[in-house]
Amino acid sequence: MTARILVADDDPKHAQLIRLYLEREGHQVMTVGDGRAALDQARARRPDLIILDIMMPLVDGLDVCRILRAESNVAILLVTARSSENDMLLGLDIGADDYLSKPVSPRELTARVRALLRRIGATEDPSTVLRVGELEVDAGRFEVRVGGTPVGLTAKEFGILELLAREPGRVFTRGQIIDKTFGFEQDVSERTVDAHVVNLRRKIETDPAEPRYVQTVYGRGYRMAET
């Protein structure tokens, strides 16, 4: 699918390289060089996906991610020179959909962009609305409602929830969730899945410590409750 993509990176050469590869994929790409411009253009242009460098002037990428996630469900891919697992989990915890460490392989980046866009794009049956109790997962519109109230999810959170909601009662291992939800991505750990599930429960469960919908099956994985 063709998408509108915003690239925020204070290294002009790196930003232009990313732009070149994404434009070859047929996307419309805009670049900015600082976090404040990223916020302004994200609000004005409403891109489908934002690629954020963490270490940017004026407003860093993590703060941009926090602010935008509170305002919308736009897909967010963080790119940074930091490479520890704690940094990755922090990025996921504040709402990023994916995380890449520098130096970035342009081919890997474009593959991850394709995977993210597939998860927020049209599904096989756009009219499908999955219902479990008061939970509604509208796959065609990329919307989730609990008791009729809309809930904002990241692309990965939505992908995990949709996977579980399509087969209530079925237990999915973390490995199966990675295979079915994370697409081309490499080196995704089971802890990454757990981090997304924690964030998902915070948004859809009345009591995340006693989840009604996304249940843990100890020693196995996760399942959607059948009622």
Protein backbone atom coordinates (compact mmCIF):
# COMPACT_ATOMS: atom_id res chain seq x y z
CA MET A 1 0.00 0.00 0.00
CA THR A 2 1.11 3.57 -0.69
CA ALA A 3 1.38 5.65 2.46
CA ARG A 4 2.17 9.13 3.72
CA ILE A 5 5.33 8.84 5.83
CA LEU A 6 7.00 11.48 8.00
CA VAL A 7 10.73 11.03 8.70
CA ALA A 8 12.10 13.00 11.67
CA ASP A 9 15.90 12.87 11.89
CA ASP A 10 18.44 15.63 12.58
CA ASP A 11 21.00 13.92 10.31
CA PRO A 12 20.06 15.19 6.82
CA LYS A 13 22.05 12.50 5.00
CA HIS A 14 20.42 9.72 6.99
CA ALA A 15 16.95 11.23 6.52
CA GLN A 16 17.47 11.56 2.76
CA LEU A 17 18.68 7.96 2.49
CA ILE A 18 15.54 6.74 4.24
CA ARG A 19 13.45 9.00 2.02
CA LEU A 20 15.06 7.64 -1.13
CA TYR A 21 14.35 4.03 -0.25
CA LEU A 22 10.79 4.71 0.84
CA GLU A 23 10.01 6.72 -2.27
CA ARG A 24 11.25 3.81 -4.35
CA GLU A 25 8.54 1.79 -2.58
CA GLY A 26 5.98 4.29 -3.85
CA HIS A 27 5.39 6.20 -0.61
CA GLN A 28 4.95 9.94 -0.15
CA VAL A 29 7.74 11.02 2.21
CA MET A 30 8.36 14.25 4.10
CA THR A 31 11.43 14.93 6.26
CA VAL A 32 11.96 17.25 9.23
CA GLY A 33 15.04 17.84 11.36
CA ASP A 34 13.78 18.36 14.92
CA GLY A 35 11.10 17.16 17.30
CA ARG A 36 9.05 20.35 17.32
CA ALA A 37 8.74 20.26 13.52
CA ALA A 38 7.82 16.57 13.77
CA LEU A 39 4.91 17.40 16.08
CA ASP A 40 3.75 20.29 13.89
CA GLN A 41 3.85 18.29 10.66
CA ALA A 42 2.31 15.17 12.22
CA ARG A 43 -0.66 17.24 13.35
CA ALA A 44 -0.96 19.16 10.10
CA ARG A 45 -0.33 16.36 7.57
CA ARG A 46 -1.72 13.35 9.51
CA PRO A 47 0.75 10.78 8.11
CA ASP A 48 0.08 7.06 8.11
CA LEU A 49 3.47 6.31 9.69
CA ILE A 50 6.20 8.32 11.45
CA ILE A 51 9.86 7.32 11.61
CA LEU A 52 11.40 9.04 14.64
CA ASP A 53 15.03 9.40 15.57
CA ILE A 54 15.24 9.52 19.37
CA MET A 55 18.10 12.00 19.73
CA MET A 56 16.73 15.17 18.12
CA PRO A 57 16.98 18.85 19.07
CA LEU A 58 14.17 20.92 20.66
CA VAL A 59 12.00 17.89 21.52
CA ASP A 60 13.53 14.41 21.60
CA GLY A 61 11.94 11.46 19.83
CA LEU A 62 10.68 9.79 23.02
CA ASP A 63 8.74 12.90 24.01
CA VAL A 64 7.40 13.25 20.47
CA CYS A 65 6.25 9.63 20.67
CA ARG A 66 4.54 10.16 24.04
CA ILE A 67 2.71 13.27 22.83
CA LEU A 68 1.58 11.79 19.51
CA ARG A 69 0.45 8.53 21.07
CA ALA A 70 -1.83 10.47 23.40
CA GLU A 71 -3.36 12.19 20.38
CA SER A 72 -3.65 9.46 17.74
CA ASN A 73 -3.06 5.86 16.66
CA VAL A 74 -0.49 6.77 14.00
CA ALA A 75 2.11 4.03 13.49
CA ILE A 76 5.46 5.01 15.03
CA LEU A 77 8.86 3.47 14.28
CA LEU A 78 11.72 4.64 16.53
CA VAL A 79 15.28 4.76 15.17
CA THR A 80 18.19 5.37 17.52
CA ALA A 81 21.87 4.84 18.21
CA ARG A 82 20.90 3.40 21.60
CA SER A 83 20.67 -0.37 21.45
CA SER A 84 20.04 -1.81 24.93
CA GLU A 85 16.96 -3.91 25.64
CA ASN A 86 15.86 -1.43 28.30
CA ASP A 87 15.83 1.37 25.72
CA MET A 88 13.77 -0.80 23.38
CA LEU A 89 11.24 -1.65 26.09
CA LEU A 90 11.01 2.01 27.10
CA GLY A 91 10.18 2.92 23.51
CA LEU A 92 7.50 0.24 23.35
CA ASP A 93 6.12 1.23 26.75
CA ILE A 94 5.47 4.82 25.67
CA GLY A 95 3.63 3.68 22.56
CA ALA A 96 6.08 2.99 19.74
CA ASP A 97 5.09 0.20 17.36
CA ASP A 98 8.60 -0.83 16.43
CA TYR A 99 12.25 -0.05 17.18
CA LEU A 100 15.40 -0.12 15.04
CA SER A 101 18.98 0.50 16.14
CA LYS A 102 21.54 2.39 14.06
CA PRO A 103 23.21 1.73 11.73
CA VAL A 104 19.95 0.96 9.96
CA SER A 105 19.82 -1.34 6.97
CA PRO A 106 17.56 0.42 4.44
CA ARG A 107 16.25 -2.94 3.25
CA GLU A 108 15.33 -3.97 6.79
CA LEU A 109 13.72 -0.60 7.44
CA THR A 110 11.56 -0.80 4.31
CA ALA A 111 10.56 -4.38 5.23
CA ARG A 112 9.46 -3.25 8.69
CA VAL A 113 7.57 -0.32 7.19
CA ARG A 114 5.73 -2.74 4.92
CA ALA A 115 4.86 -4.95 7.90
CA LEU A 116 3.54 -2.00 9.93
CA LEU A 117 1.49 -0.69 7.02
CA ARG A 118 -0.05 -4.11 6.45
CA ARG A 119 -1.19 -4.22 10.07
CA ILE A 120 -2.88 -0.82 9.87
CA GLY A 121 -4.20 -1.31 6.34
CA ALA A 122 -7.22 -3.03 4.86
CA THR A 123 -7.99 -6.54 6.06
CA GLU A 124 -9.41 -9.44 4.11
CA ASP A 125 -12.96 -8.60 5.27
CA PRO A 126 -13.26 -4.85 6.02
CA SER A 127 -16.76 -5.33 7.46
CA THR A 128 -15.64 -7.73 10.18
CA VAL A 129 -16.28 -6.59 13.74
CA LEU A 130 -15.09 -9.06 16.36
CA ARG A 131 -17.05 -8.99 19.63
CA VAL A 132 -16.16 -10.50 22.98
CA GLY A 133 -18.43 -9.29 25.75
CA GLU A 134 -18.29 -5.48 25.70
CA LEU A 135 -15.08 -5.53 23.63
CA GLU A 136 -15.39 -4.74 19.90
CA VAL A 137 -12.48 -5.05 17.47
CA ASP A 138 -13.29 -3.41 14.13
CA ALA A 139 -10.62 -4.81 11.82
CA GLY A 140 -11.66 -2.79 8.79
CA ARG A 141 -11.57 0.57 10.56
CA PHE A 142 -8.64 -0.23 12.86
CA GLU A 143 -10.83 0.68 15.84
CA VAL A 144 -11.38 -0.85 19.27
CA ARG A 145 -14.25 -0.06 21.61
CA VAL A 146 -14.98 -1.20 25.15
CA GLY A 147 -18.58 -0.67 26.20
CA GLY A 148 -18.99 1.60 23.18
CA THR A 149 -16.06 3.84 24.19
CA PRO A 150 -13.20 4.07 21.65
CA VAL A 151 -9.77 2.90 22.86
CA GLY A 152 -6.57 4.03 21.16
CA LEU A 153 -4.09 1.22 20.43
CA THR A 154 -0.77 1.05 18.66
CA ALA A 155 -0.51 -1.04 15.50
CA LYS A 156 1.17 -3.92 17.34
CA GLU A 157 -1.30 -3.85 20.23
CA PHE A 158 -4.14 -3.94 17.71
CA GLY A 159 -2.50 -6.82 15.84
CA ILE A 160 -2.16 -8.92 19.00
CA LEU A 161 -5.72 -8.14 20.11
CA GLU A 162 -7.18 -8.95 16.68
CA LEU A 163 -5.26 -12.23 16.53
CA LEU A 164 -6.61 -13.34 19.91
CA ALA A 165 -10.14 -12.04 19.28
CA ARG A 166 -10.49 -14.01 16.04
CA GLU A 167 -10.28 -17.26 18.00
CA PRO A 168 -11.54 -16.80 21.58
CA GLY A 169 -10.40 -19.59 23.86
CA ARG A 170 -7.46 -20.61 21.70
CA VAL A 171 -4.08 -20.33 23.41
CA PHE A 172 -1.38 -18.64 21.36
CA THR A 173 2.23 -19.07 22.44
CA ARG A 174 4.45 -16.01 22.43
CA GLY A 175 6.28 -17.53 19.47
CA GLN A 176 3.03 -17.84 17.51
CA ILE A 177 2.13 -14.24 18.34
CA ILE A 178 5.53 -13.12 17.06
CA ASP A 179 5.15 -15.13 13.84
CA LYS A 180 1.62 -13.92 13.12
CA THR A 181 1.84 -10.32 14.31
CA PHE A 182 5.41 -9.07 13.87
CA GLY A 183 5.87 -9.90 10.19
CA PHE A 184 9.39 -9.41 8.83
CA GLU A 185 10.88 -8.28 12.10
CA GLN A 186 13.95 -10.06 13.43
CA ASP A 187 15.13 -10.78 16.97
CA VAL A 188 11.76 -10.06 18.62
CA SER A 189 11.88 -11.50 22.13
CA GLU A 190 9.10 -12.97 24.23
CA ARG A 191 9.60 -10.06 26.61
CA THR A 192 8.61 -7.75 23.77
CA VAL A 193 5.29 -9.59 23.44
CA ASP A 194 4.77 -9.36 27.20
CA ALA A 195 5.44 -5.60 27.11
CA HIS A 196 2.78 -5.10 24.44
CA VAL A 197 0.28 -7.22 26.37
CA VAL A 198 0.88 -5.19 29.54
CA ASN A 199 0.19 -1.97 27.62
CA LEU A 200 -2.85 -3.51 25.93
CA ARG A 201 -4.37 -4.55 29.24
CA ARG A 202 -3.90 -1.07 30.66
CA LYS A 203 -6.11 0.24 27.87
CA ILE A 204 -8.89 -2.34 27.60
CA GLU A 205 -9.18 -3.94 31.03
CA THR A 206 -11.07 -2.48 34.00
CA ASP A 207 -8.49 -4.14 36.27
CA PRO A 208 -5.29 -5.03 34.37
CA ALA A 209 -4.18 -7.22 37.30
CA GLU A 210 -7.33 -9.34 36.86
CA PRO A 211 -7.85 -9.26 33.09
CA ARG A 212 -11.28 -10.06 31.74
CA TYR A 213 -10.31 -10.29 28.08
CA VAL A 214 -6.61 -11.01 27.43
CA GLN A 215 -5.79 -13.87 29.76
CA THR A 216 -2.44 -15.47 30.58
CA VAL A 217 -2.17 -19.24 30.36
CA TYR A 218 0.88 -19.88 32.50
CA GLY A 219 3.60 -21.85 30.80
CA ARG A 220 1.83 -21.54 27.44
CA GLY A 221 0.98 -17.99 26.33
CA TYR A 222 -2.15 -15.85 25.95
CA ARG A 223 -5.79 -16.31 24.95
CA MET A 224 -8.92 -14.24 24.51
CA ALA A 225 -11.70 -15.06 26.97
CA GLU A 226 -14.67 -16.77 25.37
CA THR A 227 -17.27 -14.56 27.03
